[in-house]
Amino acid sequence: MGGVLIGLAVIGVVIAVGYIAARCGLGGEPTVSALTRTAFFITNPVLLFTVVLDSDLTVVFSAYVPLALITAAATALLYVAASRLWFRRPLAETAIGAMASSYVNANNIGIPITLYALGDATPVAPVLLVQLLLFAPLVLTLLDLSEAGRFSPRLLLTQPFRNPMIIASLLGVVLAALNVKLPDPVMAPLVLLGGAAVPVVLLAFGMSLHGSRMLQSGGHTAEILTATALKSAVMPLVAFVVGRFLFDLEPHMLLGVVLMAALPSAQNVFLFAGKYGRGVAVARETILLSTAAAAPALILIVWLLAA
C-alpha cells in the first residue's frame, strides 16, 4: 500500500512544517492571512489554469464525470439537509460544511494513489474538472452573495467573472478547447507559480492548527463530525452504489471511482473558508480528521475491490 501511504505522508509533513513554524513564532494569524490571500489571488489561479489547460476535455463525456457529479452533489446535499434540520447555520457556513464533506483532494493525493492502485491517473481529471468548473464556482458564488448581505441577480451573474480562480479555470478550458499550446517561455513562470500553490496552502493550514484544540471549536463539533463522516464513509459508499448499480462500471473503473470519493477533504476548502472568514473551524478540522481517516479507508477499499 506504498502509494497510498506516501501520498498521505507528503501532505502530513508539509502541514507539520507549518505547525512547527507557528510554534517557533514564525507564523501567526497575519502570516496565515497573507499566505491564504496569496494562494487565493495568485498561486491557486495559476495552478488551476495550468491543470485545466493540460486536461483532455474529452473526459467530460466519459462516465467518470457524471458519476463524480452525482456522488459529490448527493453527499453535499446530505450535509445541507443536516444543516437545515439540526445545525441551522447561515448560508456561508453551510456552504463550507457541504464543500468539506464532498470536495476531495484529487490533485495532491489522488494522482499518486490512482497511479499505485490502477496504473494510471485517469479518474483524477474528471473529478478536478467537476470541482473546478462546477462546485468551486457555486460555493464561491454563495460566499460572495453571503458577504454582500443581499441577493442580486447581477451579482449572481457577474460573480464568476470577478473571482480569480474561476477566471483562470474558464480561461484554461477555452484554450484547451481551442488546442492552444503556450510557448515554453510563457509556461515556465506559470508552472513555477502554480507549483507554489499546494505548499502555500498546506503551510497556512499547518500554522492555523497551532493553538487550536480538536473538537473544541466554539460549538461546531456536530458539524465537524457530520462532515467528516460524510466525506470518509458516506461519499465512498455513494460512489460504489452509483457506479455499480447505475452505471454498471467494470471493476477497474469502479475501483478508481470509489478511491477518488474516499480521498480526504481538499485544502481548498480551508482556503475558501479562510479567505471569507466563514466556517474556518469546520473546514480545518474536517480536513484534518478526514485525512487521518483516509489511510485505513483507502487501504480497505483497495483490499476489497482490487482482490
C-alpha atoms as a PDB file:
ATOM      1  CA  MET A   1       0.000   0.000   0.000  1.00  0.00           C
ATOM      2  CA  GLY A   2       3.026   2.219  -0.504  1.00  0.00           C
ATOM      3  CA  GLY A   3       1.427   4.672  -2.936  1.00  0.00           C
ATOM      4  CA  VAL A   4      -1.480   5.360  -0.582  1.00  0.00           C
ATOM      5  CA  LEU A   5       0.750   5.947   2.418  1.00  0.00           C
ATOM      6  CA  ILE A   6       3.317   8.059   0.557  1.00  0.00           C
ATOM      7  CA  GLY A   7       0.656  10.404  -0.809  1.00  0.00           C
ATOM      8  CA  LEU A   8      -0.733  11.000   2.682  1.00  0.00           C
ATOM      9  CA  ALA A   9       2.706  11.283   4.278  1.00  0.00           C
ATOM     10  CA  VAL A  10       3.871  14.028   1.905  1.00  0.00           C
ATOM     11  CA  ILE A  11       0.922  16.223   2.823  1.00  0.00           C
ATOM     12  CA  GLY A  12       1.325  15.456   6.521  1.00  0.00           C
ATOM     13  CA  VAL A  13       4.976  16.527   6.506  1.00  0.00           C
ATOM     14  CA  VAL A  14       4.259  19.926   4.943  1.00  0.00           C
ATOM     15  CA  ILE A  15       1.366  20.551   7.360  1.00  0.00           C
ATOM     16  CA  ALA A  16       3.680  19.617  10.243  1.00  0.00           C
ATOM     17  CA  VAL A  17       6.281  22.108   8.996  1.00  0.00           C
ATOM     18  CA  GLY A  18       3.656  24.854   9.091  1.00  0.00           C
ATOM     19  CA  TYR A  19       2.616  23.866  12.611  1.00  0.00           C
ATOM     20  CA  ILE A  20       6.233  23.805  13.863  1.00  0.00           C
ATOM     21  CA  ALA A  21       6.872  27.187  12.243  1.00  0.00           C
ATOM     22  CA  ALA A  22       3.905  28.651  14.131  1.00  0.00           C
ATOM     23  CA  ARG A  23       5.118  27.136  17.406  1.00  0.00           C
ATOM     24  CA  CYS A  24       8.522  28.740  16.804  1.00  0.00           C
ATOM     25  CA  GLY A  25       6.909  32.132  16.318  1.00  0.00           C
ATOM     26  CA  LEU A  26       7.438  32.222  12.549  1.00  0.00           C
ATOM     27  CA  GLY A  27       3.760  32.249  11.663  1.00  0.00           C
ATOM     28  CA  GLY A  28       0.714  33.692  13.353  1.00  0.00           C
ATOM     29  CA  GLU A  29      -2.672  34.923  12.204  1.00  0.00           C
ATOM     30  CA  PRO A  30      -1.203  37.698   9.975  1.00  0.00           C
ATOM     31  CA  THR A  31       1.050  35.149   8.262  1.00  0.00           C
ATOM     32  CA  VAL A  32      -1.812  32.696   7.740  1.00  0.00           C
ATOM     33  CA  SER A  33      -3.930  35.502   6.288  1.00  0.00           C
ATOM     34  CA  ALA A  34      -1.124  36.614   3.955  1.00  0.00           C
ATOM     35  CA  LEU A  35      -0.484  33.063   2.737  1.00  0.00           C
ATOM     36  CA  THR A  36      -4.203  32.466   2.232  1.00  0.00           C
ATOM     37  CA  ARG A  37      -4.624  35.634   0.175  1.00  0.00           C
ATOM     38  CA  THR A  38      -1.508  34.817  -1.858  1.00  0.00           C
ATOM     39  CA  ALA A  39      -2.894  31.373  -2.656  1.00  0.00           C
ATOM     40  CA  PHE A  40      -6.380  32.697  -3.438  1.00  0.00           C
ATOM     41  CA  PHE A  41      -5.333  35.506  -5.760  1.00  0.00           C
ATOM     42  CA  ILE A  42      -2.065  34.261  -7.288  1.00  0.00           C
ATOM     43  CA  THR A  43      -0.789  30.706  -6.914  1.00  0.00           C
ATOM     44  CA  ASN A  44      -4.063  28.763  -6.958  1.00  0.00           C
ATOM     45  CA  PRO A  45      -5.477  30.527 -10.043  1.00  0.00           C
ATOM     46  CA  VAL A  46      -2.218  29.861 -11.882  1.00  0.00           C
ATOM     47  CA  LEU A  47      -2.232  26.195 -10.830  1.00  0.00           C
ATOM     48  CA  LEU A  48      -5.849  25.749 -11.901  1.00  0.00           C
ATOM     49  CA  PHE A  49      -5.103  27.358 -15.254  1.00  0.00           C
ATOM     50  CA  THR A  50      -2.182  25.029 -15.977  1.00  0.00           C
ATOM     51  CA  VAL A  51      -4.058  21.916 -14.788  1.00  0.00           C
ATOM     52  CA  VAL A  52      -7.130  22.621 -16.921  1.00  0.00           C
ATOM     53  CA  LEU A  53      -5.017  23.699 -19.906  1.00  0.00           C
ATOM     54  CA  ASP A  54      -3.311  20.302 -19.936  1.00  0.00           C
ATOM     55  CA  SER A  55      -6.556  18.330 -19.435  1.00  0.00           C
ATOM     56  CA  ASP A  56      -8.143  16.198 -22.106  1.00  0.00           C
ATOM     57  CA  LEU A  57     -11.621  17.711 -22.352  1.00  0.00           C
ATOM     58  CA  THR A  58     -12.992  14.525 -23.884  1.00  0.00           C
ATOM     59  CA  VAL A  59     -13.130  13.162 -20.337  1.00  0.00           C
ATOM     60  CA  VAL A  60     -16.205  15.368 -19.868  1.00  0.00           C
ATOM     61  CA  PHE A  61     -18.120  12.855 -21.973  1.00  0.00           C
ATOM     62  CA  SER A  62     -16.899   9.825 -20.043  1.00  0.00           C
ATOM     63  CA  ALA A  63     -18.765   8.002 -17.296  1.00  0.00           C
ATOM     64  CA  TYR A  64     -16.357   9.411 -14.723  1.00  0.00           C
ATOM     65  CA  VAL A  65     -17.692  12.976 -14.931  1.00  0.00           C
ATOM     66  CA  PRO A  66     -21.430  12.387 -14.409  1.00  0.00           C
ATOM     67  CA  LEU A  67     -20.610   9.860 -11.698  1.00  0.00           C
ATOM     68  CA  ALA A  68     -18.309  12.322  -9.917  1.00  0.00           C
ATOM     69  CA  LEU A  69     -21.005  14.983 -10.192  1.00  0.00           C
ATOM     70  CA  ILE A  70     -23.766  12.751  -8.792  1.00  0.00           C
ATOM     71  CA  THR A  71     -21.589  11.471  -5.953  1.00  0.00           C
ATOM     72  CA  ALA A  72     -20.420  14.908  -4.813  1.00  0.00           C
ATOM     73  CA  ALA A  73     -23.849  16.500  -5.190  1.00  0.00           C
ATOM     74  CA  ALA A  74     -25.595  13.743  -3.218  1.00  0.00           C
ATOM     75  CA  THR A  75     -23.071  13.982  -0.375  1.00  0.00           C
ATOM     76  CA  ALA A  76     -23.182  17.778  -0.258  1.00  0.00           C
ATOM     77  CA  LEU A  77     -26.985  17.757  -0.203  1.00  0.00           C
ATOM     78  CA  LEU A  78     -26.954  15.370   2.749  1.00  0.00           C
ATOM     79  CA  TYR A  79     -24.893  17.922   4.669  1.00  0.00           C
ATOM     80  CA  VAL A  80     -27.204  20.746   3.602  1.00  0.00           C
ATOM     81  CA  ALA A  81     -30.172  18.727   4.867  1.00  0.00           C
ATOM     82  CA  ALA A  82     -28.412  18.111   8.203  1.00  0.00           C
ATOM     83  CA  SER A  83     -27.594  21.806   8.498  1.00  0.00           C
ATOM     84  CA  ARG A  84     -31.164  22.748   7.688  1.00  0.00           C
ATOM     85  CA  LEU A  85     -32.671  20.308  10.203  1.00  0.00           C
ATOM     86  CA  TRP A  86     -30.190  20.384  13.095  1.00  0.00           C
ATOM     87  CA  PHE A  87     -27.318  22.889  12.847  1.00  0.00           C
ATOM     88  CA  ARG A  88     -29.302  25.790  11.402  1.00  0.00           C
ATOM     89  CA  ARG A  89     -26.172  27.626  10.304  1.00  0.00           C
ATOM     90  CA  PRO A  90     -26.163  30.593   7.896  1.00  0.00           C
ATOM     91  CA  LEU A  91     -25.690  30.142   4.156  1.00  0.00           C
ATOM     92  CA  ALA A  92     -21.913  30.683   4.110  1.00  0.00           C
ATOM     93  CA  GLU A  93     -21.183  28.221   6.935  1.00  0.00           C
ATOM     94  CA  THR A  94     -23.486  25.630   5.378  1.00  0.00           C
ATOM     95  CA  ALA A  95     -21.732  26.030   2.022  1.00  0.00           C
ATOM     96  CA  ILE A  96     -18.312  25.487   3.623  1.00  0.00           C
ATOM     97  CA  GLY A  97     -19.540  22.415   5.520  1.00  0.00           C
ATOM     98  CA  ALA A  98     -21.105  20.944   2.384  1.00  0.00           C
ATOM     99  CA  MET A  99     -17.877  21.573   0.493  1.00  0.00           C
ATOM    100  CA  ALA A 100     -15.796  19.965   3.262  1.00  0.00           C
ATOM    101  CA  SER A 101     -17.962  16.836   3.062  1.00  0.00           C
ATOM    102  CA  SER A 102     -17.781  16.439  -0.728  1.00  0.00           C
ATOM    103  CA  TYR A 103     -14.739  18.258  -2.201  1.00  0.00           C
ATOM    104  CA  VAL A 104     -11.857  15.780  -2.463  1.00  0.00           C
ATOM    105  CA  ASN A 105      -8.099  16.250  -2.508  1.00  0.00           C
ATOM    106  CA  ALA A 106      -7.848  14.936  -6.061  1.00  0.00           C
ATOM    107  CA  ASN A 107      -4.661  16.687  -7.130  1.00  0.00           C
ATOM    108  CA  ASN A 108      -2.331  16.167  -4.163  1.00  0.00           C
ATOM    109  CA  ILE A 109      -3.315  12.673  -3.048  1.00  0.00           C
ATOM    110  CA  GLY A 110      -5.440  11.412  -5.929  1.00  0.00           C
ATOM    111  CA  ILE A 111      -2.672  11.246  -8.508  1.00  0.00           C
ATOM    112  CA  PRO A 112      -0.186   9.055  -6.564  1.00  0.00           C
ATOM    113  CA  ILE A 113      -2.946   6.841  -5.185  1.00  0.00           C
ATOM    114  CA  THR A 114      -4.613   6.145  -8.547  1.00  0.00           C
ATOM    115  CA  LEU A 115      -1.222   5.568 -10.141  1.00  0.00           C
ATOM    116  CA  TYR A 116      -0.495   2.977  -7.450  1.00  0.00           C
ATOM    117  CA  ALA A 117      -3.862   1.230  -7.468  1.00  0.00           C
ATOM    118  CA  LEU A 118      -4.826   1.489 -11.152  1.00  0.00           C
ATOM    119  CA  GLY A 119      -1.607   2.125 -13.036  1.00  0.00           C
ATOM    120  CA  ASP A 120      -2.864   5.479 -14.384  1.00  0.00           C
ATOM    121  CA  ALA A 121      -4.435   8.706 -13.112  1.00  0.00           C
ATOM    122  CA  THR A 122      -7.401   8.778 -15.494  1.00  0.00           C
ATOM    123  CA  PRO A 123     -10.055   9.195 -12.758  1.00  0.00           C
ATOM    124  CA  VAL A 124      -8.357  12.345 -11.430  1.00  0.00           C
ATOM    125  CA  ALA A 125      -9.010  14.729 -14.330  1.00  0.00           C
ATOM    126  CA  PRO A 126     -12.823  14.345 -14.415  1.00  0.00           C
ATOM    127  CA  VAL A 127     -13.070  14.958 -10.662  1.00  0.00           C
ATOM    128  CA  LEU A 128     -10.838  18.018 -10.951  1.00  0.00           C
ATOM    129  CA  LEU A 129     -12.945  19.412 -13.781  1.00  0.00           C
ATOM    130  CA  VAL A 130     -16.214  18.877 -11.903  1.00  0.00           C
ATOM    131  CA  GLN A 131     -14.796  20.507  -8.781  1.00  0.00           C
ATOM    132  CA  LEU A 132     -13.064  23.398 -10.526  1.00  0.00           C
ATOM    133  CA  LEU A 133     -15.735  24.262 -13.063  1.00  0.00           C
ATOM    134  CA  LEU A 134     -18.938  23.472 -11.134  1.00  0.00           C
ATOM    135  CA  PHE A 135     -18.563  23.090  -7.378  1.00  0.00           C
ATOM    136  CA  ALA A 136     -15.926  25.733  -6.667  1.00  0.00           C
ATOM    137  CA  PRO A 137     -17.770  28.449  -8.658  1.00  0.00           C
ATOM    138  CA  LEU A 138     -21.036  27.539  -6.925  1.00  0.00           C
ATOM    139  CA  VAL A 139     -19.538  27.736  -3.420  1.00  0.00           C
ATOM    140  CA  LEU A 140     -17.661  30.942  -4.227  1.00  0.00           C
ATOM    141  CA  THR A 141     -20.860  32.475  -5.572  1.00  0.00           C
ATOM    142  CA  LEU A 142     -22.717  31.571  -2.368  1.00  0.00           C
ATOM    143  CA  LEU A 143     -19.901  33.017  -0.251  1.00  0.00           C
ATOM    144  CA  ASP A 144     -19.851  36.223  -2.276  1.00  0.00           C
ATOM    145  CA  LEU A 145     -23.616  36.551  -2.017  1.00  0.00           C
ATOM    146  CA  SER A 146     -23.441  35.972   1.733  1.00  0.00           C
ATOM    147  CA  GLU A 147     -20.668  38.548   2.087  1.00  0.00           C
ATOM    148  CA  ALA A 148     -22.689  41.086   0.106  1.00  0.00           C
ATOM    149  CA  GLY A 149     -25.587  40.563   2.509  1.00  0.00           C
ATOM    150  CA  ARG A 150     -28.222  40.656  -0.185  1.00  0.00           C
ATOM    151  CA  PHE A 151     -29.323  38.698  -3.241  1.00  0.00           C
ATOM    152  CA  SER A 152     -28.627  40.417  -6.503  1.00  0.00           C
ATOM    153  CA  PRO A 153     -29.217  38.787  -9.899  1.00  0.00           C
ATOM    154  CA  ARG A 154     -26.467  40.987 -11.284  1.00  0.00           C
ATOM    155  CA  LEU A 155     -24.043  39.820  -8.574  1.00  0.00           C
ATOM    156  CA  LEU A 156     -25.000  36.198  -9.239  1.00  0.00           C
ATOM    157  CA  LEU A 157     -24.392  36.539 -12.978  1.00  0.00           C
ATOM    158  CA  THR A 158     -21.156  38.513 -12.745  1.00  0.00           C
ATOM    159  CA  GLN A 159     -19.530  36.670  -9.829  1.00  0.00           C
ATOM    160  CA  PRO A 160     -17.770  34.047 -11.975  1.00  0.00           C
ATOM    161  CA  PHE A 161     -16.069  36.871 -13.883  1.00  0.00           C
ATOM    162  CA  ARG A 162     -14.738  38.534 -10.736  1.00  0.00           C
ATOM    163  CA  ASN A 163     -13.150  35.567  -8.979  1.00  0.00           C
ATOM    164  CA  PRO A 164      -9.528  34.846  -9.977  1.00  0.00           C
ATOM    165  CA  MET A 165      -9.779  31.060  -9.629  1.00  0.00           C
ATOM    166  CA  ILE A 166     -12.913  30.799 -11.726  1.00  0.00           C
ATOM    167  CA  ILE A 167     -11.483  33.147 -14.365  1.00  0.00           C
ATOM    168  CA  ALA A 168      -8.294  31.072 -14.542  1.00  0.00           C
ATOM    169  CA  SER A 169     -10.232  27.795 -14.851  1.00  0.00           C
ATOM    170  CA  LEU A 170     -12.523  29.137 -17.586  1.00  0.00           C
ATOM    171  CA  LEU A 171      -9.572  30.568 -19.499  1.00  0.00           C
ATOM    172  CA  GLY A 172      -7.840  27.192 -19.302  1.00  0.00           C
ATOM    173  CA  VAL A 173     -10.956  25.462 -20.665  1.00  0.00           C
ATOM    174  CA  VAL A 174     -11.200  27.882 -23.596  1.00  0.00           C
ATOM    175  CA  LEU A 175      -7.541  27.466 -24.564  1.00  0.00           C
ATOM    176  CA  ALA A 176      -7.706  23.679 -24.130  1.00  0.00           C
ATOM    177  CA  ALA A 177     -10.825  23.510 -26.305  1.00  0.00           C
ATOM    178  CA  LEU A 178      -9.038  25.548 -28.987  1.00  0.00           C
ATOM    179  CA  ASN A 179      -5.970  23.300 -28.611  1.00  0.00           C
ATOM    180  CA  VAL A 180      -3.778  26.308 -27.899  1.00  0.00           C
ATOM    181  CA  LYS A 181      -0.252  25.480 -26.770  1.00  0.00           C
ATOM    182  CA  LEU A 182       1.541  28.276 -24.949  1.00  0.00           C
ATOM    183  CA  PRO A 183       5.262  28.671 -25.679  1.00  0.00           C
ATOM    184  CA  ASP A 184       7.743  27.440 -23.083  1.00  0.00           C
ATOM    185  CA  PRO A 185       8.885  30.933 -22.014  1.00  0.00           C
ATOM    186  CA  VAL A 186       5.258  31.687 -21.097  1.00  0.00           C
ATOM    187  CA  MET A 187       4.546  28.363 -19.398  1.00  0.00           C
ATOM    188  CA  ALA A 188       7.750  28.262 -17.322  1.00  0.00           C
ATOM    189  CA  PRO A 189       6.843  31.050 -14.861  1.00  0.00           C
ATOM    190  CA  LEU A 190       3.247  29.789 -14.719  1.00  0.00           C
ATOM    191  CA  VAL A 191       4.408  26.294 -13.787  1.00  0.00           C
ATOM    192  CA  LEU A 192       6.756  27.798 -11.182  1.00  0.00           C
ATOM    193  CA  LEU A 193       3.990  29.882  -9.592  1.00  0.00           C
ATOM    194  CA  GLY A 194       1.471  27.035  -9.770  1.00  0.00           C
ATOM    195  CA  GLY A 195       3.944  24.735  -8.069  1.00  0.00           C
ATOM    196  CA  ALA A 196       3.847  27.019  -5.020  1.00  0.00           C
ATOM    197  CA  ALA A 197       0.055  26.715  -4.613  1.00  0.00           C
ATOM    198  CA  VAL A 198      -0.097  23.414  -2.731  1.00  0.00           C
ATOM    199  CA  PRO A 199       2.754  24.065  -0.243  1.00  0.00           C
ATOM    200  CA  VAL A 200       1.497  27.605   0.453  1.00  0.00           C
ATOM    201  CA  VAL A 201      -1.983  26.347   1.385  1.00  0.00           C
ATOM    202  CA  LEU A 202      -0.594  23.416   3.378  1.00  0.00           C
ATOM    203  CA  LEU A 203       1.765  25.689   5.318  1.00  0.00           C
ATOM    204  CA  ALA A 204      -1.100  28.075   6.119  1.00  0.00           C
ATOM    205  CA  PHE A 205      -3.222  25.132   7.200  1.00  0.00           C
ATOM    206  CA  GLY A 206      -0.489  23.800   9.483  1.00  0.00           C
ATOM    207  CA  MET A 207       0.060  27.225  11.038  1.00  0.00           C
ATOM    208  CA  SER A 208      -3.656  27.565  11.719  1.00  0.00           C
ATOM    209  CA  LEU A 209      -3.566  24.363  13.809  1.00  0.00           C
ATOM    210  CA  HIS A 210      -1.282  25.946  16.405  1.00  0.00           C
ATOM    211  CA  GLY A 211      -3.294  26.985  19.440  1.00  0.00           C
ATOM    212  CA  SER A 212      -6.467  25.202  18.354  1.00  0.00           C
ATOM    213  CA  ARG A 213      -7.938  22.173  20.080  1.00  0.00           C
ATOM    214  CA  MET A 214      -9.646  19.445  18.140  1.00  0.00           C
ATOM    215  CA  LEU A 215     -13.430  19.345  18.524  1.00  0.00           C
ATOM    216  CA  GLN A 216     -13.341  22.351  20.839  1.00  0.00           C
ATOM    217  CA  SER A 217     -14.109  24.936  18.168  1.00  0.00           C
ATOM    218  CA  GLY A 218     -16.919  27.037  19.543  1.00  0.00           C
ATOM    219  CA  GLY A 219     -19.813  24.600  19.376  1.00  0.00           C
ATOM    220  CA  HIS A 220     -19.087  23.217  15.885  1.00  0.00           C
ATOM    221  CA  THR A 221     -18.373  19.628  16.968  1.00  0.00           C
ATOM    222  CA  ALA A 222     -21.561  18.180  15.466  1.00  0.00           C
ATOM    223  CA  GLU A 223     -20.893  19.885  12.129  1.00  0.00           C
ATOM    224  CA  ILE A 224     -17.283  18.682  12.049  1.00  0.00           C
ATOM    225  CA  LEU A 225     -18.177  15.083  12.853  1.00  0.00           C
ATOM    226  CA  THR A 226     -21.048  15.102  10.341  1.00  0.00           C
ATOM    227  CA  ALA A 227     -18.868  16.499   7.546  1.00  0.00           C
ATOM    228  CA  THR A 228     -16.084  14.016   8.367  1.00  0.00           C
ATOM    229  CA  ALA A 229     -18.455  11.034   8.409  1.00  0.00           C
ATOM    230  CA  LEU A 230     -19.992  12.079   5.095  1.00  0.00           C
ATOM    231  CA  LYS A 231     -16.579  12.590   3.495  1.00  0.00           C
ATOM    232  CA  SER A 232     -14.848   9.484   4.824  1.00  0.00           C
ATOM    233  CA  ALA A 233     -17.652   6.894   4.837  1.00  0.00           C
ATOM    234  CA  VAL A 234     -20.808   8.039   3.068  1.00  0.00           C
ATOM    235  CA  MET A 235     -19.251   9.517  -0.083  1.00  0.00           C
ATOM    236  CA  PRO A 236     -17.279   6.340  -0.990  1.00  0.00           C
ATOM    237  CA  LEU A 237     -20.408   4.264  -0.357  1.00  0.00           C
ATOM    238  CA  VAL A 238     -22.481   6.538  -2.610  1.00  0.00           C
ATOM    239  CA  ALA A 239     -19.793   6.276  -5.307  1.00  0.00           C
ATOM    240  CA  PHE A 240     -19.841   2.483  -5.093  1.00  0.00           C
ATOM    241  CA  VAL A 241     -23.636   2.218  -5.271  1.00  0.00           C
ATOM    242  CA  VAL A 242     -23.956   4.704  -8.150  1.00  0.00           C
ATOM    243  CA  GLY A 243     -21.018   3.249 -10.072  1.00  0.00           C
ATOM    244  CA  ARG A 244     -22.029  -0.377  -9.570  1.00  0.00           C
ATOM    245  CA  PHE A 245     -25.794  -0.231  -9.978  1.00  0.00           C
ATOM    246  CA  LEU A 246     -26.500   2.915 -12.009  1.00  0.00           C
ATOM    247  CA  PHE A 247     -23.519   2.977 -14.389  1.00  0.00           C
ATOM    248  CA  ASP A 248     -22.623  -0.737 -14.205  1.00  0.00           C
ATOM    249  CA  LEU A 249     -18.908   0.035 -14.275  1.00  0.00           C
ATOM    250  CA  GLU A 250     -16.387  -2.715 -14.786  1.00  0.00           C
ATOM    251  CA  PRO A 251     -14.255  -3.441 -11.683  1.00  0.00           C
ATOM    252  CA  HIS A 252     -11.215  -1.397 -12.747  1.00  0.00           C
ATOM    253  CA  MET A 253     -13.232   1.789 -13.315  1.00  0.00           C
ATOM    254  CA  LEU A 254     -15.325   1.181 -10.194  1.00  0.00           C
ATOM    255  CA  LEU A 255     -12.198   0.962  -8.048  1.00  0.00           C
ATOM    256  CA  GLY A 256     -10.969   4.287  -9.425  1.00  0.00           C
ATOM    257  CA  VAL A 257     -14.289   5.992  -8.735  1.00  0.00           C
ATOM    258  CA  VAL A 258     -14.520   4.736  -5.148  1.00  0.00           C
ATOM    259  CA  LEU A 259     -10.876   5.606  -4.433  1.00  0.00           C
ATOM    260  CA  MET A 260     -11.442   9.186  -5.603  1.00  0.00           C
ATOM    261  CA  ALA A 261     -14.547   9.504  -3.424  1.00  0.00           C
ATOM    262  CA  ALA A 262     -12.623   8.229  -0.373  1.00  0.00           C
ATOM    263  CA  LEU A 263      -9.931  10.912  -0.599  1.00  0.00           C
ATOM    264  CA  PRO A 264      -9.880  13.418   2.284  1.00  0.00           C
ATOM    265  CA  SER A 265     -11.257  16.945   2.045  1.00  0.00           C
ATOM    266  CA  ALA A 266      -9.133  19.260  -0.074  1.00  0.00           C
ATOM    267  CA  GLN A 267      -7.121  22.159   1.347  1.00  0.00           C
ATOM    268  CA  ASN A 268      -9.067  24.460  -0.987  1.00  0.00           C
ATOM    269  CA  VAL A 269     -11.965  24.162   1.468  1.00  0.00           C
ATOM    270  CA  PHE A 270      -9.781  25.772   4.131  1.00  0.00           C
ATOM    271  CA  LEU A 271      -8.565  28.305   1.572  1.00  0.00           C
ATOM    272  CA  PHE A 272     -12.118  29.434   0.786  1.00  0.00           C
ATOM    273  CA  ALA A 273     -13.131  29.447   4.457  1.00  0.00           C
ATOM    274  CA  GLY A 274     -10.075  31.468   5.443  1.00  0.00           C
ATOM    275  CA  LYS A 275     -10.495  33.971   2.625  1.00  0.00           C
ATOM    276  CA  TYR A 276     -14.091  34.751   3.609  1.00  0.00           C
ATOM    277  CA  GLY A 277     -13.677  34.129   7.352  1.00  0.00           C
ATOM    278  CA  ARG A 278     -16.633  31.727   7.476  1.00  0.00           C
ATOM    279  CA  GLY A 279     -16.673  28.122   8.691  1.00  0.00           C
ATOM    280  CA  VAL A 280     -12.910  28.065   9.294  1.00  0.00           C
ATOM    281  CA  ALA A 281     -13.062  25.619  12.240  1.00  0.00           C
ATOM    282  CA  VAL A 282     -15.314  23.205  10.333  1.00  0.00           C
ATOM    283  CA  ALA A 283     -13.064  23.327   7.266  1.00  0.00           C
ATOM    284  CA  ARG A 284      -9.807  22.955   9.202  1.00  0.00           C
ATOM    285  CA  GLU A 285     -10.868  20.088  11.454  1.00  0.00           C
ATOM    286  CA  THR A 286     -12.785  18.187   8.766  1.00  0.00           C
ATOM    287  CA  ILE A 287      -9.680  18.249   6.572  1.00  0.00           C
ATOM    288  CA  LEU A 288      -7.535  17.019   9.449  1.00  0.00           C
ATOM    289  CA  LEU A 289      -9.915  14.257  10.575  1.00  0.00           C
ATOM    290  CA  SER A 290     -10.728  13.074   7.044  1.00  0.00           C
ATOM    291  CA  THR A 291      -7.005  12.956   6.208  1.00  0.00           C
ATOM    292  CA  ALA A 292      -6.397  10.798   9.291  1.00  0.00           C
ATOM    293  CA  ALA A 293      -9.292   8.522   8.299  1.00  0.00           C
ATOM    294  CA  ALA A 294      -8.220   8.309   4.653  1.00  0.00           C
ATOM    295  CA  ALA A 295      -5.322   5.886   5.081  1.00  0.00           C
ATOM    296  CA  PRO A 296      -7.324   2.978   6.568  1.00  0.00           C
ATOM    297  CA  ALA A 297     -10.286   3.723   4.285  1.00  0.00           C
ATOM    298  CA  LEU A 298      -8.185   3.714   1.100  1.00  0.00           C
ATOM    299  CA  ILE A 299      -6.303   0.575   2.118  1.00  0.00           C
ATOM    300  CA  LEU A 300      -9.583  -1.206   2.882  1.00  0.00           C
ATOM    301  CA  ILE A 301     -11.077  -0.173  -0.483  1.00  0.00           C
ATOM    302  CA  VAL A 302      -8.038  -1.432  -2.420  1.00  0.00           C
ATOM    303  CA  TRP A 303      -8.155  -4.709  -0.471  1.00  0.00           C
ATOM    304  CA  LEU A 304     -11.869  -5.243  -1.063  1.00  0.00           C
ATOM    305  CA  LEU A 305     -12.237  -4.098  -4.687  1.00  0.00           C
ATOM    306  CA  ALA A 306      -8.862  -4.988  -6.136  1.00  0.00           C
ATOM    307  CA  ALA A 307      -8.868  -8.528  -4.821  1.00  0.00           C
END
